[in-house]
Each structure stands twice: as C-alpha cells, then as structure tokens.
Amino acid sequence: MSGSVLRRLCLGILLVAVVAAARTASAQLAWPQEGVITMNAKWRFNELIARLEQSIQKHGMALVASASASRGAASRGVKIPGNVVLMVFRNDYAVRMLEASIPAGIEAPLRLYVTENTDGTTSVSYRKPSAVFGPYRSPRLDALAAELDPIFSEIVRDAVAQ
C-alpha cells in the first residue's frame, strides 16, 4: 500500500471517528422530547433556584414540590453537579386540565429543571405546556396550554434576567 493511500485511509478513519464522537456528544445533549426550552443564567445554582421560586410566586403559580438528585447524593457524601426539578402548577389549572382530559393528569405538575454548569453558572429547562398537552389532541387542553406557555416563559425569563 502506497504512503498516499495509507494517509487517505487514516484520514478517512479519523474523520469517521470524529463524526461518531460528535454525534454521541450531540445525542447526550439533545432532549428527546419536542418543545423543550433551555435558558442559561449567570446565577449560581442556589441563587437561580431562589429566583425561580420568587418568579413562580410573582406570576401567580405555585411551587408544588421539588426533587434533587444532587441534594440526595450530598446527604450520602457523594458530590455531583447541582440539579433540581421544581414542580409548578395551580389548582384552578389542574381542575380545568382534568375536566378536559383525565389521562392528562399524569402531566401535572409541570416541571422546571435546573442544572449546574461546570463554569458555576446554571441552566433551566422546561417543556412548553403546549408541547406537554399537545399529544392529547383536546381543544380545551390546547386553550389551557396557550395560557400557560407565556406564564412559564415569563417565570424563566424573569428568573434568569441579569
């Protein structure tokens, strides 16, 4: 095999490896669902959580519950990057949701996912209510989601604002 052919073969193998690695990294960062919005914030992890809690209240929603794998791990002496799921809804929306679709009840409360980045900043991701409720194909759920989409957008936008 000539040197020129061997070089091209090595370059081809390298190119395939780079593309495969890029696809793997991209797949790990991609959300499997449609309608996920992610916003980055300069705030540290606990600061952004506090800002989100204030913004949830400001926009007339309720923090129903939260869950954090990083806090659970810390209680066992294990350190992982901060993450918390904030579960957000309001009872009048819950009643309307259930009147429109009993099966849609599994979707409530809606969630905000806060993650700590390696540079000390944080990100918050959420699935737009219209994306969550869209698969139910209910005009009443679509109307509810149309009300909730801007509320969730404003909650997150206010919390991440500089």
N, C-alpha and C. Protein backbone atom coordinates (compact mmCIF):
# COMPACT_ATOMS: atom_id res chain seq x y z
N MET A 1 0.86 -1.17 0.00
CA MET A 1 0.00 0.00 0.00
C MET A 1 0.90 1.23 0.00
N SER A 2 0.63 2.14 -0.92
CA SER A 2 1.46 3.33 -1.03
C SER A 2 1.19 4.26 0.16
N GLY A 3 2.14 5.16 0.43
CA GLY A 3 2.01 6.12 1.53
C GLY A 3 0.81 7.03 1.34
N SER A 4 0.53 7.41 0.11
CA SER A 4 -0.59 8.30 -0.18
C SER A 4 -1.92 7.61 0.15
N VAL A 5 -2.06 6.36 -0.23
CA VAL A 5 -3.29 5.61 0.05
C VAL A 5 -3.44 5.39 1.55
N LEU A 6 -2.35 5.07 2.21
CA LEU A 6 -2.38 4.85 3.65
C LEU A 6 -2.77 6.12 4.39
N ARG A 7 -2.23 7.26 3.95
CA ARG A 7 -2.60 8.54 4.58
C ARG A 7 -4.09 8.82 4.41
N ARG A 8 -4.60 8.60 3.19
CA ARG A 8 -6.03 8.84 2.94
C ARG A 8 -6.89 7.90 3.77
N LEU A 9 -6.46 6.66 3.89
CA LEU A 9 -7.20 5.69 4.70
C LEU A 9 -7.22 6.13 6.17
N CYS A 10 -6.08 6.56 6.69
CA CYS A 10 -6.00 7.03 8.08
C CYS A 10 -6.86 8.28 8.28
N LEU A 11 -6.80 9.20 7.32
CA LEU A 11 -7.64 10.41 7.42
C LEU A 11 -9.12 10.05 7.39
N GLY A 12 -9.48 9.09 6.57
CA GLY A 12 -10.88 8.65 6.49
C GLY A 12 -11.34 8.04 7.81
N ILE A 13 -10.51 7.20 8.39
CA ILE A 13 -10.83 6.59 9.68
C ILE A 13 -10.95 7.65 10.76
N LEU A 14 -10.03 8.62 10.75
CA LEU A 14 -10.07 9.72 11.72
C LEU A 14 -11.35 10.53 11.56
N LEU A 15 -11.73 10.82 10.32
CA LEU A 15 -12.94 11.58 10.06
C LEU A 15 -14.17 10.84 10.57
N VAL A 16 -14.25 9.55 10.32
CA VAL A 16 -15.38 8.75 10.81
C VAL A 16 -15.41 8.78 12.34
N ALA A 17 -14.27 8.67 12.99
CA ALA A 17 -14.21 8.69 14.45
C ALA A 17 -14.67 10.04 15.00
N VAL A 18 -14.23 11.14 14.36
CA VAL A 18 -14.62 12.48 14.81
C VAL A 18 -16.12 12.68 14.65
N VAL A 19 -16.68 12.28 13.52
CA VAL A 19 -18.12 12.42 13.29
C VAL A 19 -18.90 11.57 14.30
N ALA A 20 -18.45 10.35 14.55
CA ALA A 20 -19.13 9.49 15.52
C ALA A 20 -19.09 10.10 16.92
N ALA A 21 -17.94 10.64 17.30
CA ALA A 21 -17.82 11.27 18.62
C ALA A 21 -18.73 12.50 18.72
N ALA A 22 -18.80 13.28 17.66
CA ALA A 22 -19.65 14.47 17.66
C ALA A 22 -21.12 14.07 17.77
N ARG A 23 -21.51 13.04 17.06
CA ARG A 23 -22.90 12.58 17.14
C ARG A 23 -23.23 12.06 18.53
N THR A 24 -22.31 11.34 19.15
CA THR A 24 -22.52 10.84 20.50
C THR A 24 -22.67 12.00 21.48
N ALA A 25 -21.79 12.99 21.40
CA ALA A 25 -21.88 14.15 22.29
C ALA A 25 -23.17 14.90 22.05
N SER A 26 -23.55 15.05 20.79
CA SER A 26 -24.79 15.76 20.46
C SER A 26 -25.99 15.01 21.00
N ALA A 27 -25.99 13.69 20.91
CA ALA A 27 -27.12 12.90 21.40
C ALA A 27 -27.24 13.01 22.91
N GLN A 28 -26.12 13.13 23.61
CA GLN A 28 -26.16 13.25 25.06
C GLN A 28 -26.73 14.61 25.48
N LEU A 29 -26.58 15.64 24.65
CA LEU A 29 -27.07 16.97 24.97
C LEU A 29 -28.48 17.21 24.47
N ALA A 30 -28.95 16.38 23.57
CA ALA A 30 -30.26 16.60 22.95
C ALA A 30 -31.38 16.14 23.88
N TRP A 31 -32.48 16.88 23.83
CA TRP A 31 -33.67 16.49 24.57
C TRP A 31 -34.48 15.55 23.70
N PRO A 32 -34.97 14.46 24.26
CA PRO A 32 -35.73 13.50 23.44
C PRO A 32 -37.14 13.98 23.11
N GLN A 33 -37.63 15.00 23.82
CA GLN A 33 -38.96 15.50 23.56
C GLN A 33 -38.89 16.80 22.79
N GLU A 34 -39.97 17.07 22.08
CA GLU A 34 -40.08 18.36 21.40
C GLU A 34 -40.56 19.41 22.39
N GLY A 35 -40.26 20.66 22.07
CA GLY A 35 -40.81 21.76 22.86
C GLY A 35 -40.04 22.09 24.12
N VAL A 36 -38.81 21.58 24.27
CA VAL A 36 -38.02 21.90 25.45
C VAL A 36 -37.28 23.22 25.21
N ILE A 37 -37.41 24.12 26.16
CA ILE A 37 -36.73 25.41 26.13
C ILE A 37 -35.65 25.39 27.21
N THR A 38 -34.44 25.80 26.87
CA THR A 38 -33.35 25.90 27.85
C THR A 38 -32.80 27.31 27.81
N MET A 39 -32.66 27.89 29.00
CA MET A 39 -32.06 29.23 29.12
C MET A 39 -30.92 29.15 30.11
N ASN A 40 -29.82 29.79 29.76
CA ASN A 40 -28.65 29.84 30.63
C ASN A 40 -28.70 31.10 31.48
N ALA A 41 -28.17 31.00 32.68
CA ALA A 41 -28.17 32.14 33.61
C ALA A 41 -26.78 32.29 34.22
N LYS A 42 -26.45 33.51 34.56
CA LYS A 42 -25.16 33.76 35.22
C LYS A 42 -25.21 33.36 36.70
N TRP A 43 -26.41 33.16 37.20
CA TRP A 43 -26.59 32.91 38.64
C TRP A 43 -26.06 31.55 39.04
N ARG A 44 -25.55 31.50 40.26
CA ARG A 44 -25.13 30.23 40.82
C ARG A 44 -26.38 29.39 41.09
N PHE A 45 -26.18 28.11 41.29
CA PHE A 45 -27.26 27.13 41.42
C PHE A 45 -28.33 27.55 42.43
N ASN A 46 -27.95 27.76 43.68
CA ASN A 46 -28.93 28.10 44.71
C ASN A 46 -29.58 29.46 44.48
N GLU A 47 -28.82 30.39 43.87
CA GLU A 47 -29.38 31.71 43.56
C GLU A 47 -30.49 31.59 42.52
N LEU A 48 -30.24 30.78 41.49
CA LEU A 48 -31.26 30.64 40.45
C LEU A 48 -32.50 29.94 41.00
N ILE A 49 -32.31 28.98 41.86
CA ILE A 49 -33.48 28.31 42.46
C ILE A 49 -34.31 29.33 43.24
N ALA A 50 -33.67 30.15 44.04
CA ALA A 50 -34.39 31.18 44.81
C ALA A 50 -35.09 32.15 43.88
N ARG A 51 -34.43 32.55 42.80
CA ARG A 51 -35.03 33.47 41.84
C ARG A 51 -36.23 32.82 41.15
N LEU A 52 -36.12 31.55 40.82
CA LEU A 52 -37.25 30.85 40.21
C LEU A 52 -38.43 30.76 41.18
N GLU A 53 -38.15 30.44 42.43
CA GLU A 53 -39.22 30.36 43.43
C GLU A 53 -39.95 31.70 43.54
N GLN A 54 -39.20 32.79 43.56
CA GLN A 54 -39.82 34.12 43.61
C GLN A 54 -40.62 34.40 42.35
N SER A 55 -40.09 34.04 41.21
CA SER A 55 -40.76 34.29 39.94
C SER A 55 -42.03 33.45 39.80
N ILE A 56 -41.98 32.22 40.28
CA ILE A 56 -43.18 31.36 40.27
C ILE A 56 -44.30 32.05 41.03
N GLN A 57 -43.99 32.54 42.21
CA GLN A 57 -44.99 33.23 43.03
C GLN A 57 -45.44 34.52 42.35
N LYS A 58 -44.50 35.30 41.84
CA LYS A 58 -44.81 36.57 41.18
C LYS A 58 -45.81 36.38 40.03
N HIS A 59 -45.69 35.28 39.33
CA HIS A 59 -46.55 35.03 38.17
C HIS A 59 -47.78 34.18 38.52
N GLY A 60 -48.10 34.12 39.80
CA GLY A 60 -49.36 33.52 40.23
C GLY A 60 -49.43 32.00 40.17
N MET A 61 -48.29 31.36 40.13
CA MET A 61 -48.27 29.90 40.14
C MET A 61 -47.80 29.42 41.50
N ALA A 62 -47.86 28.11 41.71
CA ALA A 62 -47.46 27.54 42.99
C ALA A 62 -46.35 26.52 42.80
N LEU A 63 -45.37 26.55 43.70
CA LEU A 63 -44.35 25.52 43.74
C LEU A 63 -44.95 24.36 44.52
N VAL A 64 -45.29 23.30 43.82
CA VAL A 64 -45.98 22.15 44.41
C VAL A 64 -45.00 21.26 45.15
N ALA A 65 -43.82 21.06 44.57
CA ALA A 65 -42.81 20.18 45.17
C ALA A 65 -41.49 20.40 44.44
N SER A 66 -40.43 19.83 45.01
CA SER A 66 -39.14 19.83 44.33
C SER A 66 -38.43 18.51 44.63
N ALA A 67 -37.54 18.14 43.73
CA ALA A 67 -36.75 16.92 43.91
C ALA A 67 -35.35 17.20 43.40
N SER A 68 -34.35 16.72 44.13
CA SER A 68 -32.97 17.00 43.75
C SER A 68 -32.09 15.78 43.99
N ALA A 69 -31.58 15.23 42.89
CA ALA A 69 -30.64 14.11 43.00
C ALA A 69 -29.34 14.56 43.65
N SER A 70 -28.90 15.80 43.37
CA SER A 70 -27.63 16.26 43.93
C SER A 70 -27.74 16.44 45.44
N ARG A 71 -28.86 16.92 45.92
CA ARG A 71 -29.03 17.06 47.37
C ARG A 71 -29.12 15.69 48.04
N GLY A 72 -29.81 14.77 47.39
CA GLY A 72 -29.87 13.40 47.92
C GLY A 72 -28.49 12.76 47.96
N ALA A 73 -27.73 12.96 46.89
CA ALA A 73 -26.37 12.40 46.85
C ALA A 73 -25.50 13.03 47.93
N ALA A 74 -25.63 14.35 48.13
CA ALA A 74 -24.83 15.04 49.14
C ALA A 74 -25.12 14.48 50.53
N SER A 75 -26.36 14.10 50.77
CA SER A 75 -26.71 13.54 52.09
C SER A 75 -26.02 12.20 52.33
N ARG A 76 -25.53 11.59 51.24
CA ARG A 76 -24.78 10.33 51.35
C ARG A 76 -23.29 10.55 51.19
N GLY A 77 -22.86 11.83 51.11
CA GLY A 77 -21.44 12.15 50.97
C GLY A 77 -20.94 12.09 49.54
N VAL A 78 -21.85 12.06 48.56
CA VAL A 78 -21.46 11.99 47.16
C VAL A 78 -21.70 13.36 46.52
N LYS A 79 -20.70 13.85 45.79
CA LYS A 79 -20.80 15.18 45.15
C LYS A 79 -21.05 15.00 43.66
N ILE A 80 -22.17 15.53 43.19
CA ILE A 80 -22.46 15.59 41.76
C ILE A 80 -22.91 17.01 41.44
N PRO A 81 -22.86 17.43 40.18
CA PRO A 81 -23.32 18.78 39.85
C PRO A 81 -24.77 18.99 40.29
N GLY A 82 -25.05 20.21 40.73
CA GLY A 82 -26.38 20.52 41.23
C GLY A 82 -27.46 20.32 40.19
N ASN A 83 -28.56 19.75 40.61
CA ASN A 83 -29.75 19.64 39.77
C ASN A 83 -30.97 19.57 40.66
N VAL A 84 -32.03 20.18 40.20
CA VAL A 84 -33.29 20.13 40.94
C VAL A 84 -34.43 20.25 39.94
N VAL A 85 -35.49 19.54 40.22
CA VAL A 85 -36.72 19.65 39.44
C VAL A 85 -37.72 20.39 40.32
N LEU A 86 -38.19 21.53 39.82
CA LEU A 86 -39.23 22.30 40.51
C LEU A 86 -40.55 21.98 39.84
N MET A 87 -41.51 21.51 40.61
CA MET A 87 -42.81 21.12 40.07
C MET A 87 -43.80 22.26 40.34
N VAL A 88 -44.38 22.78 39.25
CA VAL A 88 -45.14 24.02 39.29
C VAL A 88 -46.52 23.81 38.68
N PHE A 89 -47.55 24.28 39.40
CA PHE A 89 -48.90 24.26 38.85
C PHE A 89 -49.79 25.11 39.74
N ARG A 90 -51.07 25.05 39.50
CA ARG A 90 -52.04 25.78 40.31
C ARG A 90 -53.35 25.02 40.24
N ASN A 91 -54.10 25.00 41.34
CA ASN A 91 -55.28 24.14 41.41
C ASN A 91 -56.34 24.47 40.37
N ASP A 92 -56.59 25.74 40.09
CA ASP A 92 -57.63 26.04 39.08
C ASP A 92 -57.23 25.50 37.71
N TYR A 93 -55.94 25.52 37.39
CA TYR A 93 -55.48 24.92 36.14
C TYR A 93 -55.63 23.40 36.20
N ALA A 94 -55.35 22.81 37.35
CA ALA A 94 -55.49 21.36 37.50
C ALA A 94 -56.94 20.93 37.27
N VAL A 95 -57.88 21.68 37.83
CA VAL A 95 -59.30 21.34 37.66
C VAL A 95 -59.68 21.42 36.18
N ARG A 96 -59.28 22.49 35.53
CA ARG A 96 -59.59 22.65 34.10
C ARG A 96 -58.92 21.56 33.25
N MET A 97 -57.70 21.20 33.61
CA MET A 97 -56.99 20.15 32.88
C MET A 97 -57.75 18.84 33.00
N LEU A 98 -58.16 18.50 34.20
CA LEU A 98 -58.86 17.23 34.41
C LEU A 98 -60.26 17.23 33.78
N GLU A 99 -60.91 18.39 33.74
CA GLU A 99 -62.19 18.47 33.04
C GLU A 99 -62.01 18.21 31.55
N ALA A 100 -60.87 18.60 31.02
CA ALA A 100 -60.59 18.40 29.60
C ALA A 100 -60.12 16.98 29.32
N SER A 101 -59.35 16.39 30.24
CA SER A 101 -58.78 15.07 29.99
C SER A 101 -58.26 14.46 31.29
N ILE A 102 -58.89 13.40 31.73
CA ILE A 102 -58.40 12.68 32.92
C ILE A 102 -57.00 12.12 32.68
N PRO A 103 -56.72 11.50 31.52
CA PRO A 103 -55.36 10.99 31.30
C PRO A 103 -54.28 12.07 31.36
N ALA A 104 -54.62 13.31 31.03
CA ALA A 104 -53.62 14.39 31.06
C ALA A 104 -53.16 14.70 32.48
N GLY A 105 -53.88 14.20 33.47
CA GLY A 105 -53.49 14.42 34.86
C GLY A 105 -52.09 13.94 35.19
N ILE A 106 -51.60 12.99 34.44
CA ILE A 106 -50.25 12.49 34.69
C ILE A 106 -49.19 13.55 34.39
N GLU A 107 -49.55 14.58 33.64
CA GLU A 107 -48.60 15.62 33.24
C GLU A 107 -48.39 16.69 34.30
N ALA A 108 -49.29 16.76 35.26
CA ALA A 108 -49.20 17.82 36.28
C ALA A 108 -48.53 17.27 37.54
N PRO A 109 -47.77 18.08 38.20
CA PRO A 109 -47.42 19.46 37.89
C PRO A 109 -46.40 19.53 36.76
N LEU A 110 -46.36 20.67 36.11
CA LEU A 110 -45.36 20.91 35.08
C LEU A 110 -44.01 21.17 35.76
N ARG A 111 -42.93 20.92 35.04
CA ARG A 111 -41.61 20.92 35.68
C ARG A 111 -40.64 21.92 35.08
N LEU A 112 -39.82 22.48 35.97
CA LEU A 112 -38.65 23.28 35.60
C LEU A 112 -37.44 22.50 36.09
N TYR A 113 -36.44 22.34 35.24
CA TYR A 113 -35.26 21.55 35.58
C TYR A 113 -34.05 22.47 35.62
N VAL A 114 -33.46 22.61 36.80
CA VAL A 114 -32.31 23.49 37.00
C VAL A 114 -31.06 22.63 37.09
N THR A 115 -30.05 22.97 36.29
CA THR A 115 -28.79 22.22 36.31
C THR A 115 -27.61 23.16 36.48
N GLU A 116 -26.64 22.69 37.22
CA GLU A 116 -25.42 23.45 37.48
C GLU A 116 -24.41 23.14 36.38
N ASN A 117 -23.86 24.18 35.79
CA ASN A 117 -22.85 24.02 34.73
C ASN A 117 -21.45 24.01 35.34
N THR A 118 -20.49 23.49 34.59
CA THR A 118 -19.12 23.37 35.10
C THR A 118 -18.47 24.71 35.39
N ASP A 119 -18.94 25.80 34.77
CA ASP A 119 -18.35 27.12 34.99
C ASP A 119 -19.01 27.89 36.15
N GLY A 120 -19.89 27.22 36.90
CA GLY A 120 -20.54 27.87 38.03
C GLY A 120 -21.86 28.54 37.69
N THR A 121 -22.19 28.62 36.41
CA THR A 121 -23.48 29.17 36.02
C THR A 121 -24.52 28.05 36.08
N THR A 122 -25.73 28.38 35.74
CA THR A 122 -26.80 27.38 35.76
C THR A 122 -27.62 27.48 34.49
N SER A 123 -28.38 26.44 34.24
CA SER A 123 -29.34 26.42 33.14
C SER A 123 -30.68 25.97 33.70
N VAL A 124 -31.74 26.46 33.09
CA VAL A 124 -33.08 26.00 33.45
C VAL A 124 -33.77 25.56 32.17
N SER A 125 -34.35 24.39 32.22
CA SER A 125 -35.04 23.83 31.06
C SER A 125 -36.46 23.49 31.47
N TYR A 126 -37.35 23.63 30.51
CA TYR A 126 -38.74 23.22 30.75
C TYR A 126 -39.36 22.85 29.43
N ARG A 127 -40.34 22.02 29.49
CA ARG A 127 -41.09 21.65 28.30
C ARG A 127 -42.31 22.55 28.23
N LYS A 128 -42.48 23.24 27.11
CA LYS A 128 -43.60 24.15 26.97
C LYS A 128 -44.92 23.41 27.24
N PRO A 129 -45.81 24.03 28.01
CA PRO A 129 -47.09 23.37 28.27
C PRO A 129 -47.81 22.93 26.99
N SER A 130 -47.71 23.70 25.93
CA SER A 130 -48.35 23.30 24.67
C SER A 130 -47.74 22.00 24.13
N ALA A 131 -46.45 21.78 24.36
CA ALA A 131 -45.81 20.53 23.94
C ALA A 131 -46.23 19.37 24.86
N VAL A 132 -46.39 19.68 26.14
CA VAL A 132 -46.81 18.64 27.10
C VAL A 132 -48.23 18.17 26.80
N PHE A 133 -49.14 19.12 26.59
CA PHE A 133 -50.55 18.78 26.44
C PHE A 133 -50.97 18.52 25.00
N GLY A 134 -50.15 18.91 24.02
CA GLY A 134 -50.48 18.76 22.61
C GLY A 134 -50.86 17.35 22.18
N PRO A 135 -50.14 16.32 22.64
CA PRO A 135 -50.47 14.97 22.19
C PRO A 135 -51.88 14.49 22.58
N TYR A 136 -52.53 15.16 23.51
CA TYR A 136 -53.87 14.74 23.93
C TYR A 136 -54.94 15.17 22.92
N ARG A 137 -54.59 16.05 22.03
CA ARG A 137 -55.50 16.50 20.96
C ARG A 137 -56.86 16.93 21.51
N SER A 138 -56.80 17.81 22.49
CA SER A 138 -58.00 18.33 23.13
C SER A 138 -58.02 19.85 22.98
N PRO A 139 -59.03 20.39 22.34
CA PRO A 139 -59.11 21.85 22.21
C PRO A 139 -59.10 22.56 23.57
N ARG A 140 -59.70 21.96 24.57
CA ARG A 140 -59.71 22.59 25.90
C ARG A 140 -58.32 22.58 26.53
N LEU A 141 -57.59 21.50 26.33
CA LEU A 141 -56.20 21.46 26.82
C LEU A 141 -55.32 22.43 26.03
N ASP A 142 -55.58 22.53 24.72
CA ASP A 142 -54.82 23.47 23.90
C ASP A 142 -55.03 24.90 24.40
N ALA A 143 -56.27 25.23 24.77
CA ALA A 143 -56.57 26.58 25.29
C ALA A 143 -55.85 26.81 26.62
N LEU A 144 -55.86 25.79 27.48
CA LEU A 144 -55.17 25.88 28.76
C LEU A 144 -53.66 26.09 28.54
N ALA A 145 -53.10 25.30 27.64
CA ALA A 145 -51.67 25.41 27.34
C ALA A 145 -51.33 26.78 26.76
N ALA A 146 -52.23 27.34 25.96
CA ALA A 146 -52.00 28.66 25.38
C ALA A 146 -51.92 29.73 26.48
N GLU A 147 -52.61 29.52 27.58
CA GLU A 147 -52.49 30.42 28.73
C GLU A 147 -51.19 30.17 29.49
N LEU A 148 -50.81 28.91 29.62
CA LEU A 148 -49.65 28.55 30.42
C LEU A 148 -48.31 28.81 29.73
N ASP A 149 -48.25 28.68 28.41
CA ASP A 149 -46.98 28.91 27.70
C ASP A 149 -46.35 30.25 28.06
N PRO A 150 -47.07 31.37 27.95
CA PRO A 150 -46.42 32.65 28.29
C PRO A 150 -46.10 32.78 29.77
N ILE A 151 -46.88 32.16 30.64
CA ILE A 151 -46.60 32.23 32.07
C ILE A 151 -45.26 31.55 32.37
N PHE A 152 -45.06 30.36 31.83
CA PHE A 152 -43.80 29.65 32.08
C PHE A 152 -42.63 30.39 31.43
N SER A 153 -42.85 30.94 30.26
CA SER A 153 -41.79 31.73 29.62
C SER A 153 -41.40 32.92 30.49
N GLU A 154 -42.38 33.62 31.04
CA GLU A 154 -42.10 34.78 31.88
C GLU A 154 -41.44 34.38 33.19
N ILE A 155 -41.86 33.26 33.77
CA ILE A 155 -41.23 32.79 35.01
C ILE A 155 -39.74 32.60 34.79
N VAL A 156 -39.40 31.88 33.74
CA VAL A 156 -37.99 31.56 33.47
C VAL A 156 -37.24 32.82 33.05
N ARG A 157 -37.81 33.61 32.17
CA ARG A 157 -37.14 34.83 31.69
C ARG A 157 -36.83 35.76 32.86
N ASP A 158 -37.80 35.98 33.75
CA ASP A 158 -37.57 36.84 34.91
C ASP A 158 -36.48 36.29 35.83
N ALA A 159 -36.47 34.98 36.03
CA ALA A 159 -35.50 34.38 36.94
C ALA A 159 -34.08 34.44 36.41
N VAL A 160 -33.90 34.29 35.10
CA VAL A 160 -32.54 34.29 34.55
C VAL A 160 -32.05 35.68 34.20
N ALA A 161 -32.93 36.68 34.25
CA ALA A 161 -32.54 38.04 33.86
C ALA A 161 -31.36 38.52 34.69
N GLN A 162 -30.51 39.31 34.04
CA GLN A 162 -29.31 39.81 34.69
C GLN A 162 -29.66 40.78 35.75
